[in-house]
Amino acid sequence: MSKIVSKNPTARYNYTIDDTIEAGIVLSGTEIKSIRNGKANLKDSYAAFKNGELYIYNLHISHYEFGNIYNKDPLRDRKLLINKREINKLIRLN
């Protein structure tokens, strides 16, 4: 079961999107709860390679209100989960 939890309609308006990929993302428990509450913001976020892996930068996930000490930095770098074949395809495009 796959559910889209956040979109960036401004990106589709400002840019021509030729191809898309579906990726998972490494999150902590409080970040998952914040996303379920609709507290994710993709504005100004982008993906880039770091050490052969794909990361997303500037993705803002607000603090979970009941998270206390378990909340992470809202703008931390997060690893994207895609298979090696997709990574190689993206590297060839660069």
Protein backbone atom coordinates (compact mmCIF):
# COMPACT_ATOMS: atom_id res chain seq x y z
CA MET A 1 0.00 0.00 0.00
CA SER A 2 1.59 3.22 -1.15
CA LYS A 3 0.22 6.61 -0.15
CA ILE A 4 1.52 10.00 -1.26
CA VAL A 5 1.98 12.11 1.87
CA SER A 6 3.48 15.25 0.35
CA LYS A 7 3.60 16.89 -3.08
CA ASN A 8 5.34 19.91 -4.53
CA PRO A 9 2.99 21.43 -7.14
CA THR A 10 5.22 24.49 -7.50
CA ALA A 11 8.00 22.30 -8.92
CA ARG A 12 5.68 20.97 -11.63
CA TYR A 13 4.66 24.54 -12.43
CA ASN A 14 8.19 25.99 -12.56
CA TYR A 15 9.97 23.04 -14.23
CA THR A 16 9.36 20.47 -16.93
CA ILE A 17 9.35 17.02 -15.32
CA ASP A 18 10.49 14.38 -17.84
CA ASP A 19 10.67 11.36 -15.56
CA THR A 20 9.88 10.46 -11.96
CA ILE A 21 11.03 7.76 -9.57
CA GLU A 22 9.45 6.40 -6.43
CA ALA A 23 11.73 6.24 -3.40
CA GLY A 24 11.49 5.41 0.25
CA ILE A 25 13.10 7.59 2.89
CA VAL A 26 14.90 6.81 6.14
CA LEU A 27 12.98 8.46 9.00
CA SER A 28 12.88 8.36 12.79
CA GLY A 29 9.71 7.54 14.74
CA THR A 30 8.77 11.12 15.56
CA GLU A 31 9.30 12.19 11.94
CA ILE A 32 6.83 9.52 10.78
CA LYS A 33 4.23 10.83 13.22
CA SER A 34 4.78 14.41 12.03
CA ILE A 35 4.37 13.39 8.38
CA ARG A 36 1.15 11.55 9.21
CA ASN A 37 -0.05 14.83 10.74
CA GLY A 38 0.77 16.65 7.47
CA LYS A 39 3.83 18.48 8.79
CA ALA A 40 6.22 17.89 5.85
CA ASN A 41 7.30 20.66 3.48
CA LEU A 42 9.10 19.89 0.21
CA LYS A 43 9.64 23.53 -0.76
CA ASP A 44 13.33 24.22 -1.52
CA SER A 45 14.26 20.54 -1.09
CA TYR A 46 16.48 18.70 -3.56
CA ALA A 47 18.19 15.33 -3.95
CA ALA A 48 21.90 14.81 -4.55
CA PHE A 49 24.45 12.02 -4.44
CA LYS A 50 26.75 11.59 -1.45
CA ASN A 51 29.14 8.61 -1.28
CA GLY A 52 27.25 6.79 -4.04
CA GLU A 53 23.89 7.10 -2.26
CA LEU A 54 21.02 9.48 -2.86
CA TYR A 55 20.10 11.96 -0.12
CA ILE A 56 17.38 14.59 0.15
CA TYR A 57 18.36 18.00 1.51
CA ASN A 58 16.24 20.82 2.98
CA LEU A 59 13.16 18.62 3.43
CA HIS A 60 11.47 20.24 6.43
CA ILE A 61 9.64 17.89 8.80
CA SER A 62 8.34 19.79 11.82
CA HIS A 63 8.91 18.59 15.37
CA TYR A 64 6.32 16.16 16.69
CA GLU A 65 4.53 17.96 19.51
CA PHE A 66 4.79 14.99 21.91
CA GLY A 67 8.29 13.95 20.82
CA ASN A 68 10.35 15.71 23.52
CA ILE A 69 13.99 14.58 23.36
CA TYR A 70 13.32 12.18 20.46
CA ASN A 71 12.71 14.94 17.92
CA LYS A 72 15.38 15.29 15.25
CA ASP A 73 16.63 18.38 13.41
CA PRO A 74 13.79 19.41 11.04
CA LEU A 75 16.18 20.06 8.12
CA ARG A 76 18.60 17.15 8.54
CA ASP A 77 19.81 15.22 5.49
CA ARG A 78 17.79 12.05 4.88
CA LYS A 79 18.79 9.01 2.83
CA LEU A 80 16.50 8.01 -0.03
CA LEU A 81 15.88 4.32 -0.53
CA ILE A 82 16.02 3.29 -4.17
CA ASN A 83 17.53 0.20 -5.75
CA LYS A 84 21.02 0.10 -7.22
CA ARG A 85 19.71 -0.08 -10.80
CA GLU A 86 17.86 3.23 -10.35
CA ILE A 87 20.96 4.84 -8.79
CA ASN A 88 23.11 3.74 -11.74
CA LYS A 89 20.50 5.10 -14.17
CA LEU A 90 20.54 8.50 -12.42
CA ILE A 91 24.35 8.62 -12.33
CA ARG A 92 24.47 8.01 -16.11
CA LEU A 93 22.13 10.98 -16.61
CA ASN A 94 24.47 13.37 -14.75
